[in-house]
Amino acid sequence: MEIHLIKTTRKALILLFFMCLNCYSAFAQLEYENAIQRRDYQLAVGIMKVEIDHTEPNADMYYKRAVAYEGLGEYIYAISDCTSALKCNPNDENAYLLRGKCKIKMGDPTYIMDLQKGGKEGIAMLKKLGKEPTTTTPQNNIEIISDVDTNIPAMGRNTNNNTFVVIIANEKYLENNISQVCYAQKDGDVFKQYCIKTLGIPAENIHVRNNATRNQMRSEMKWLNNIANAFGEKSNIIVYYSGHGMPDEENQKAYLLPSDGIANDPESAYSLESFYNQLGALNVNSIVVFLDACFSGFQRDGGMLTATKGVAIKPKEEKLNGNVIVISASKGDETAYPYQEKGHGLFTYYLLKKLQSSKGNITLKKLGNYIIDNVKQTSMRKNSKIQTPTIYASEHKSEYLFNLKLRNNK
């Protein structure tokens, strides 16, 4: 009798617990709607954050928080939550529509694909903008949402005020004989989200150049020089590059290839030696460079950069000066591959993965070693070829730079 009473009481308590949860959820939804009507978007974000953190989140919760973020003008957070909603429900037209609207506000040209999937309202908006929707979407344009594109740790905004970032994502090239770099622009977009949300870098401290020309790349280097002159040794710099690299066959020197560059013509490219020397001359606390590129003449899909190039080149390794540390996607004559299942460059995927799991609280040496181990292993499994990322720093400051952390640079 006593045992039966205990079991009955336990069942009743469990039932009561879930009834309380359901009551709270219903109350939270009502309070959220009231907050939205009052335009108290900060409260609406807080309500949905509690729901997401303490229940099994679904597409509707992420979408509702995205609506509140849009109301606050926090478009990058809204885009992130819309992406999380689409991971839960890939057919959520409202999430596509809202993400497209936010991308327009951010100046992101990929809004067209989102509005096209945003139902009748999205199609109407495209027509109003003079962008005629296509009837079919090519298979290679279908967006892949991976685990690093969602649940980006938010560690406090604007806590890293003296860090400045340049992101160059060269996916498309003007010359017809130069292949696209698959996922380069997405690599840059998601890295920017981690800079803001996880590393606490203010959005206004971040410059993004998609498909940057040589002059645009020079302009960003000039901006960094101005930053160094204004903020001096209390400032930190991060440079992220995703795109083609190119070797000079005559002297084995490496180059970054701008979107208006010409393959096999080093004068149209950006010398890696000059790039490193310019960074090394800056009077700042640290310069961290992430290079998702290779300089062998190969492209991400394993083919040659152009049809005219038939052999891989092993470029010389450039010497670093100043307070520069570089984590690069590959070494020597290797290829920097994509991670097709994840929709990112293989190097960038593991960079983001570790930032996600560590919340940015990791030394550059440990971050580099994690990337090296995982990229090497995944490349062998997926491509049956080795890809070996590298990490190296200015010799006189190597110990200091290896022990830096991206978040607050401590």
Protein backbone atom coordinates (compact mmCIF):
# COMPACT_ATOMS: atom_id res chain seq x y z
CA MET A 1 0.00 0.00 0.00
CA GLU A 2 2.83 2.38 0.98
CA ILE A 3 4.84 1.56 -2.19
CA HIS A 4 1.77 2.09 -4.36
CA LEU A 5 1.19 5.48 -2.69
CA ILE A 6 4.81 6.54 -3.36
CA LYS A 7 4.54 5.58 -7.05
CA THR A 8 1.23 7.42 -7.38
CA THR A 9 2.66 10.53 -5.70
CA ARG A 10 5.73 10.44 -7.95
CA LYS A 11 3.56 10.26 -11.07
CA ALA A 12 1.45 13.14 -9.79
CA LEU A 13 4.54 15.29 -9.15
CA ILE A 14 5.91 14.57 -12.61
CA LEU A 15 2.55 15.45 -14.15
CA LEU A 16 2.40 18.64 -12.09
CA PHE A 17 5.94 19.55 -13.19
CA PHE A 18 5.09 19.28 -16.86
CA MET A 19 1.82 21.16 -16.32
CA CYS A 20 3.84 23.99 -14.74
CA LEU A 21 6.25 23.98 -17.67
CA ASN A 22 3.38 24.18 -20.14
CA CYS A 23 1.74 26.98 -18.14
CA TYR A 24 5.01 28.92 -18.04
CA SER A 25 5.55 28.44 -21.76
CA ALA A 26 2.04 29.70 -22.53
CA PHE A 27 2.58 32.67 -20.20
CA ALA A 28 5.94 33.41 -21.84
CA GLN A 29 4.39 33.37 -25.31
CA LEU A 30 1.69 35.81 -24.16
CA GLU A 31 4.25 38.12 -22.56
CA TYR A 32 6.37 37.97 -25.71
CA GLU A 33 3.43 39.03 -27.90
CA ASN A 34 2.61 41.88 -25.49
CA ALA A 35 6.25 43.03 -25.54
CA ILE A 36 6.33 43.02 -29.36
CA GLN A 37 3.10 45.06 -29.48
CA ARG A 38 4.62 47.59 -27.05
CA ARG A 39 7.83 47.55 -29.10
CA ASP A 40 9.74 46.49 -26.02
CA TYR A 41 12.09 44.40 -28.12
CA GLN A 42 14.73 44.04 -25.41
CA LEU A 43 12.19 42.34 -23.14
CA ALA A 44 11.02 40.15 -26.04
CA VAL A 45 14.61 39.00 -26.65
CA GLY A 46 14.97 38.16 -22.94
CA ILE A 47 11.74 36.14 -22.86
CA MET A 48 12.75 34.07 -25.87
CA LYS A 49 16.28 33.60 -24.51
CA VAL A 50 14.85 31.97 -21.37
CA GLU A 51 12.64 29.74 -23.54
CA ILE A 52 15.56 28.69 -25.76
CA ASP A 53 17.96 28.14 -22.84
CA HIS A 54 15.56 26.12 -20.65
CA THR A 55 13.46 24.13 -23.12
CA GLU A 56 14.00 22.16 -26.30
CA PRO A 57 14.32 25.05 -28.79
CA ASN A 58 12.39 24.93 -32.04
CA ALA A 59 12.18 26.98 -35.22
CA ASP A 60 9.39 29.19 -33.85
CA MET A 61 11.42 30.23 -30.79
CA TYR A 62 14.47 31.18 -32.85
CA TYR A 63 12.27 33.03 -35.35
CA LYS A 64 10.50 35.01 -32.62
CA ARG A 65 13.79 36.06 -31.07
CA ALA A 66 15.02 37.05 -34.53
CA VAL A 67 11.95 39.30 -34.91
CA ALA A 68 12.86 41.02 -31.63
CA TYR A 69 16.50 41.42 -32.66
CA GLU A 70 15.37 42.98 -35.95
CA GLY A 71 13.26 45.43 -33.95
CA LEU A 72 16.41 46.42 -32.01
CA GLY A 73 18.36 46.87 -35.24
CA GLU A 74 20.64 43.95 -34.28
CA TYR A 75 20.53 42.49 -37.77
CA ILE A 76 23.48 40.12 -37.46
CA TYR A 77 21.87 38.46 -34.40
CA ALA A 78 18.56 38.25 -36.26
CA ILE A 79 20.30 36.58 -39.21
CA SER A 80 21.95 34.08 -36.87
CA ASP A 81 18.64 33.16 -35.22
CA CYS A 82 16.90 32.85 -38.60
CA THR A 83 19.67 30.43 -39.62
CA SER A 84 19.05 28.43 -36.42
CA ALA A 85 15.32 28.37 -37.22
CA LEU A 86 16.06 27.06 -40.70
CA LYS A 87 18.22 24.30 -39.26
CA CYS A 88 15.16 23.18 -37.25
CA ASN A 89 12.78 23.67 -40.17
CA PRO A 90 14.46 24.09 -43.59
CA ASN A 91 11.10 25.06 -45.15
CA ASP A 92 10.32 27.99 -42.82
CA GLU A 93 9.30 30.75 -45.26
CA ASN A 94 9.04 33.36 -42.49
CA ALA A 95 12.66 32.74 -41.46
CA TYR A 96 13.87 33.07 -45.05
CA LEU A 97 11.86 36.27 -45.48
CA LEU A 98 13.15 37.88 -42.29
CA ARG A 99 16.72 36.82 -42.98
CA GLY A 100 16.47 38.32 -46.47
CA LYS A 101 15.19 41.63 -45.06
CA CYS A 102 18.03 41.76 -42.53
CA LYS A 103 20.61 40.97 -45.21
CA ILE A 104 19.33 43.93 -47.21
CA LYS A 105 19.94 46.15 -44.17
CA MET A 106 23.46 44.66 -43.84
CA GLY A 107 24.23 45.16 -47.53
CA ASP A 108 24.57 41.42 -48.11
CA PRO A 109 23.76 40.58 -51.78
CA THR A 110 22.74 36.99 -50.89
CA TYR A 111 19.36 38.36 -49.76
CA ILE A 112 17.97 37.44 -53.20
CA MET A 113 18.17 33.70 -52.49
CA ASP A 114 16.43 34.16 -49.14
CA LEU A 115 13.60 36.33 -50.46
CA GLN A 116 13.07 33.83 -53.26
CA LYS A 117 12.31 31.23 -50.58
CA GLY A 118 10.28 33.68 -48.48
CA GLY A 119 6.87 32.89 -49.94
CA LYS A 120 4.62 35.35 -51.80
CA GLU A 121 5.81 38.31 -49.73
CA GLY A 122 9.44 37.55 -50.55
CA ILE A 123 8.73 37.27 -54.29
CA ALA A 124 6.74 40.53 -54.17
CA MET A 125 9.65 42.26 -52.42
CA LEU A 126 12.11 41.01 -55.05
CA LYS A 127 9.92 42.42 -57.83
CA LYS A 128 9.60 45.73 -56.00
CA LEU A 129 13.40 45.87 -55.77
CA GLY A 130 13.67 45.14 -59.49
CA LYS A 131 15.17 41.69 -58.90
CA GLU A 132 13.28 39.18 -60.98
CA PRO A 133 13.17 35.78 -59.19
CA THR A 134 14.44 32.74 -61.07
CA THR A 135 12.17 29.74 -61.54
CA THR A 136 14.79 27.20 -60.44
CA THR A 137 17.70 27.21 -58.05
CA PRO A 138 20.93 25.55 -59.27
CA GLN A 139 21.99 22.60 -57.15
CA ASN A 140 25.30 24.21 -56.23
CA ASN A 141 23.50 27.28 -54.85
CA ILE A 142 21.52 25.33 -52.26
CA GLU A 143 22.65 26.63 -48.90
CA ILE A 144 24.20 24.18 -46.49
CA ILE A 145 23.63 25.03 -42.83
CA SER A 146 26.24 23.38 -40.65
CA ASP A 147 26.67 23.08 -36.90
CA VAL A 148 29.07 26.06 -36.75
CA ASP A 149 26.53 28.37 -38.42
CA THR A 150 24.14 28.13 -35.49
CA ASN A 151 24.43 28.36 -31.70
CA ILE A 152 27.23 30.91 -31.98
CA PRO A 153 28.27 31.70 -28.38
CA ALA A 154 27.30 35.21 -27.29
CA MET A 155 29.90 36.27 -24.73
CA GLY A 156 29.01 39.95 -24.40
CA ARG A 157 28.95 42.66 -27.01
CA ASN A 158 31.52 45.44 -27.37
CA THR A 159 33.90 43.97 -24.78
CA ASN A 160 36.83 43.90 -27.22
CA ASN A 161 36.78 47.56 -28.23
CA ASN A 162 40.44 47.87 -29.23
CA THR A 163 40.44 44.96 -31.67
CA PHE A 164 39.97 45.74 -35.38
CA VAL A 165 39.23 43.23 -38.11
CA VAL A 166 39.57 43.07 -41.89
CA ILE A 167 37.74 40.22 -43.61
CA ILE A 168 38.44 39.60 -47.30
CA ALA A 169 36.30 36.90 -48.91
CA ASN A 170 37.16 36.50 -52.59
CA GLU A 171 34.72 33.98 -54.03
CA LYS A 172 34.15 35.32 -57.55
CA TYR A 173 36.80 36.49 -60.01
CA LEU A 174 36.39 38.72 -63.05
CA GLU A 175 38.58 36.62 -65.35
CA ASN A 176 36.64 33.78 -66.96
CA ASN A 177 39.54 31.34 -66.66
CA ILE A 178 39.75 31.70 -62.86
CA SER A 179 37.44 29.40 -60.91
CA GLN A 180 35.23 30.49 -58.05
CA VAL A 181 36.31 29.73 -54.49
CA CYS A 182 33.36 27.78 -53.13
CA TYR A 183 32.02 28.97 -49.76
CA ALA A 184 34.52 31.86 -49.45
CA GLN A 185 31.86 34.50 -48.90
CA LYS A 186 29.99 32.34 -46.39
CA ASP A 187 33.31 31.72 -44.60
CA GLY A 188 33.76 35.46 -44.21
CA ASP A 189 30.14 36.11 -43.20
CA VAL A 190 30.14 33.52 -40.41
CA PHE A 191 33.60 34.51 -39.18
CA LYS A 192 32.26 38.05 -38.80
CA GLN A 193 29.40 36.74 -36.64
CA TYR A 194 31.91 35.00 -34.35
CA CYS A 195 33.97 38.21 -34.13
CA ILE A 196 30.92 40.17 -32.95
CA LYS A 197 29.11 37.63 -30.80
CA THR A 198 31.87 35.44 -29.39
CA LEU A 199 34.92 37.71 -29.40
CA GLY A 200 32.97 40.85 -28.43
CA ILE A 201 34.36 43.03 -31.23
CA PRO A 202 32.10 46.01 -32.12
CA ALA A 203 30.58 45.77 -35.60
CA GLU A 204 31.99 49.19 -36.53
CA ASN A 205 35.51 47.81 -35.90
CA ILE A 206 35.05 45.24 -38.67
CA HIS A 207 35.59 45.86 -42.38
CA VAL A 208 34.31 43.19 -44.79
CA ARG A 209 35.29 43.09 -48.46
CA ASN A 210 33.60 40.48 -50.61
CA ASN A 211 35.32 39.89 -53.95
CA ALA A 212 37.87 42.61 -53.18
CA THR A 213 39.88 44.18 -55.99
CA ARG A 214 43.57 44.95 -55.59
CA ASN A 215 42.85 48.60 -54.84
CA GLN A 216 40.22 47.65 -52.28
CA MET A 217 42.73 45.37 -50.55
CA ARG A 218 45.25 48.24 -50.55
CA SER A 219 42.56 50.49 -49.08
CA GLU A 220 41.99 48.09 -46.18
CA MET A 221 45.72 47.95 -45.47
CA LYS A 222 45.71 51.77 -45.38
CA TRP A 223 42.79 51.65 -42.90
CA LEU A 224 44.79 49.32 -40.65
CA ASN A 225 47.73 51.71 -40.82
CA ASN A 226 45.43 54.56 -39.73
CA ILE A 227 44.10 52.40 -36.88
CA ALA A 228 47.66 51.72 -35.70
CA ASN A 229 48.48 55.44 -35.78
CA ALA A 230 45.32 56.32 -33.84
CA PHE A 231 45.27 53.55 -31.21
CA GLY A 232 48.91 52.47 -31.04
CA GLU A 233 50.11 49.60 -28.89
CA LYS A 234 46.79 49.14 -27.08
CA SER A 235 45.16 47.94 -30.32
CA ASN A 236 44.98 44.43 -31.80
CA ILE A 237 44.33 43.47 -35.40
CA ILE A 238 42.80 40.38 -36.99
CA VAL A 239 42.99 39.78 -40.74
CA TYR A 240 40.96 36.94 -42.27
CA TYR A 241 41.38 36.00 -45.94
CA SER A 242 39.45 33.37 -47.88
CA GLY A 243 40.16 33.15 -51.59
CA HIS A 244 42.75 32.16 -54.15
CA GLY A 245 46.46 32.31 -53.54
CA MET A 246 48.92 32.19 -56.43
CA PRO A 247 52.61 31.31 -56.85
CA ASP A 248 55.08 33.08 -59.11
CA GLU A 249 56.64 30.30 -61.17
CA GLU A 250 59.90 32.24 -61.66
CA ASN A 251 60.81 33.15 -58.09
CA GLN A 252 58.46 30.85 -56.10
CA LYS A 253 57.00 33.81 -54.20
CA ALA A 254 53.38 33.72 -53.04
CA TYR A 255 50.57 36.16 -53.81
CA LEU A 256 47.00 36.82 -52.71
CA LEU A 257 44.79 37.00 -55.79
CA PRO A 258 42.34 39.95 -55.85
CA SER A 259 39.02 39.54 -57.64
CA ASP A 260 40.36 41.61 -60.56
CA GLY A 261 43.67 39.74 -60.63
CA ILE A 262 45.02 37.81 -63.60
CA ALA A 263 46.35 34.30 -63.05
CA ASN A 264 50.07 33.93 -63.80
CA ASP A 265 50.51 37.72 -63.69
CA PRO A 266 52.07 38.58 -60.29
CA GLU A 267 51.86 42.34 -60.99
CA SER A 268 48.05 42.10 -60.83
CA ALA A 269 48.15 40.27 -57.48
CA TYR A 270 49.03 41.26 -53.88
CA SER A 271 52.45 40.07 -52.79
CA LEU A 272 52.29 38.01 -49.59
CA GLU A 273 55.75 39.35 -48.70
CA SER A 274 54.49 42.96 -48.96
CA PHE A 275 51.33 42.02 -47.09
CA TYR A 276 53.30 40.61 -44.13
CA ASN A 277 55.84 43.46 -44.17
CA GLN A 278 53.08 46.07 -44.07
CA LEU A 279 51.42 44.33 -41.15
CA GLY A 280 54.73 43.83 -39.35
CA ALA A 281 55.46 47.57 -39.54
CA LEU A 282 52.30 48.47 -37.59
CA ASN A 283 52.93 49.65 -34.04
CA VAL A 284 50.18 47.57 -32.39
CA ASN A 285 50.00 44.93 -29.67
CA SER A 286 49.32 41.99 -32.02
CA ILE A 287 48.32 41.09 -35.57
CA VAL A 288 46.62 37.71 -36.10
CA VAL A 289 46.27 36.48 -39.69
CA PHE A 290 44.01 33.62 -40.79
CA LEU A 291 44.62 32.49 -44.37
CA ASP A 292 42.19 30.04 -45.93
CA ALA A 293 44.09 29.82 -49.18
CA CYS A 294 46.86 27.83 -50.77
CA PHE A 295 49.67 29.14 -52.93
CA SER A 296 50.54 26.08 -55.01
CA GLY A 297 48.43 26.86 -58.08
CA PHE A 298 45.68 24.45 -56.99
CA GLN A 299 42.10 25.52 -56.28
CA ARG A 300 39.69 24.32 -53.58
CA ASP A 301 38.14 21.56 -55.70
CA GLY A 302 41.57 20.02 -56.30
CA GLY A 303 41.97 21.20 -59.90
CA MET A 304 44.46 23.78 -61.14
CA LEU A 305 43.83 27.50 -60.68
CA THR A 306 43.70 27.93 -64.45
CA ALA A 307 43.76 25.59 -67.40
CA THR A 308 47.21 26.87 -68.39
CA LYS A 309 48.89 25.67 -65.20
CA GLY A 310 49.75 21.99 -65.14
CA VAL A 311 52.07 21.52 -62.16
CA ALA A 312 51.97 22.57 -58.54
CA ILE A 313 54.50 25.10 -57.27
CA LYS A 314 56.01 25.05 -53.77
CA PRO A 315 56.34 28.72 -52.79
CA LYS A 316 58.93 30.04 -50.37
CA GLU A 317 57.83 30.68 -46.78
CA GLU A 318 57.83 34.39 -45.98
CA LYS A 319 59.60 35.75 -42.90
CA LEU A 320 57.46 37.58 -40.33
CA ASN A 321 58.42 40.84 -38.60
CA GLY A 322 56.79 42.88 -35.86
CA ASN A 323 54.01 41.32 -33.78
CA VAL A 324 52.51 39.05 -36.44
CA ILE A 325 51.24 35.49 -36.05
CA VAL A 326 49.83 33.54 -39.00
CA ILE A 327 47.59 30.47 -39.03
CA SER A 328 47.38 29.24 -42.61
CA ALA A 329 45.29 26.54 -44.30
CA SER A 330 48.07 24.54 -45.94
CA LYS A 331 51.79 24.39 -46.54
CA GLY A 332 54.07 23.95 -49.52
CA ASP A 333 52.45 22.55 -52.63
CA GLU A 334 49.29 21.31 -50.87
CA THR A 335 45.69 22.24 -51.63
CA ALA A 336 43.30 24.04 -49.26
CA TYR A 337 40.13 21.95 -49.67
CA PRO A 338 36.46 22.71 -49.03
CA TYR A 339 34.38 20.72 -46.54
CA GLN A 340 31.39 20.08 -48.78
CA GLU A 341 29.13 18.57 -46.13
CA LYS A 342 29.61 21.62 -43.91
CA GLY A 343 29.46 24.34 -46.56
CA HIS A 344 32.78 25.92 -45.55
CA GLY A 345 36.45 25.77 -46.34
CA LEU A 346 37.93 22.85 -44.41
CA PHE A 347 40.33 25.17 -42.57
CA THR A 348 37.64 27.73 -41.75
CA TYR A 349 35.22 25.07 -40.51
CA TYR A 350 37.63 23.89 -37.81
CA LEU A 351 38.59 27.49 -36.95
CA LEU A 352 34.90 28.25 -36.31
CA LYS A 353 34.34 24.92 -34.57
CA LYS A 354 37.01 25.64 -31.98
CA LEU A 355 35.85 29.22 -31.47
CA GLN A 356 32.39 27.78 -30.86
CA SER A 357 33.44 25.13 -28.34
CA SER A 358 36.01 27.30 -26.52
CA LYS A 359 33.92 30.49 -26.69
CA GLY A 360 37.11 32.24 -27.77
CA ASN A 361 38.85 31.40 -24.49
CA ILE A 362 41.81 29.58 -26.04
CA THR A 363 45.40 30.48 -26.83
CA LEU A 364 46.40 30.88 -30.45
CA LYS A 365 48.85 27.99 -30.12
CA LYS A 366 46.12 25.60 -28.92
CA LEU A 367 43.74 26.92 -31.57
CA GLY A 368 46.35 26.36 -34.28
CA ASN A 369 47.19 22.86 -33.07
CA TYR A 370 43.50 21.91 -32.99
CA ILE A 371 43.06 23.14 -36.57
CA ILE A 372 46.19 21.33 -37.75
CA ASP A 373 45.19 17.96 -36.25
CA ASN A 374 41.58 18.03 -37.42
CA VAL A 375 42.22 19.38 -40.92
CA LYS A 376 44.93 16.79 -41.56
CA GLN A 377 42.72 13.91 -40.43
CA THR A 378 39.55 15.07 -42.17
CA SER A 379 41.39 15.77 -45.41
CA MET A 380 42.80 12.25 -45.46
CA ARG A 381 39.37 10.74 -44.77
CA LYS A 382 37.47 12.89 -47.26
CA ASN A 383 40.03 13.63 -49.98
CA SER A 384 42.68 10.90 -49.53
CA LYS A 385 45.20 13.76 -49.68
CA ILE A 386 47.09 15.59 -46.98
CA GLN A 387 46.35 19.19 -46.05
CA THR A 388 48.59 20.54 -43.31
CA PRO A 389 47.76 23.92 -41.80
CA THR A 390 50.64 25.87 -40.27
CA ILE A 391 51.09 28.28 -37.38
CA TYR A 392 54.13 30.51 -37.09
CA ALA A 393 54.95 33.90 -35.62
CA SER A 394 57.55 36.65 -35.60
CA GLU A 395 60.58 34.97 -34.09
CA HIS A 396 61.34 37.55 -31.38
CA LYS A 397 57.73 37.58 -30.14
CA SER A 398 56.67 33.99 -30.80
CA GLU A 399 56.15 32.90 -27.18
CA TYR A 400 54.06 35.98 -26.40
CA LEU A 401 51.95 35.62 -29.56
CA PHE A 402 51.39 31.87 -29.17
CA ASN A 403 49.90 32.49 -25.71
CA LEU A 404 47.51 35.25 -26.77
CA LYS A 405 43.74 34.70 -26.79
CA LEU A 406 41.44 36.28 -29.35
CA ARG A 407 38.89 37.29 -26.75
CA ASN A 408 40.28 40.40 -25.02
CA ASN A 409 43.74 39.29 -26.21
CA LYS A 410 44.82 38.02 -22.80
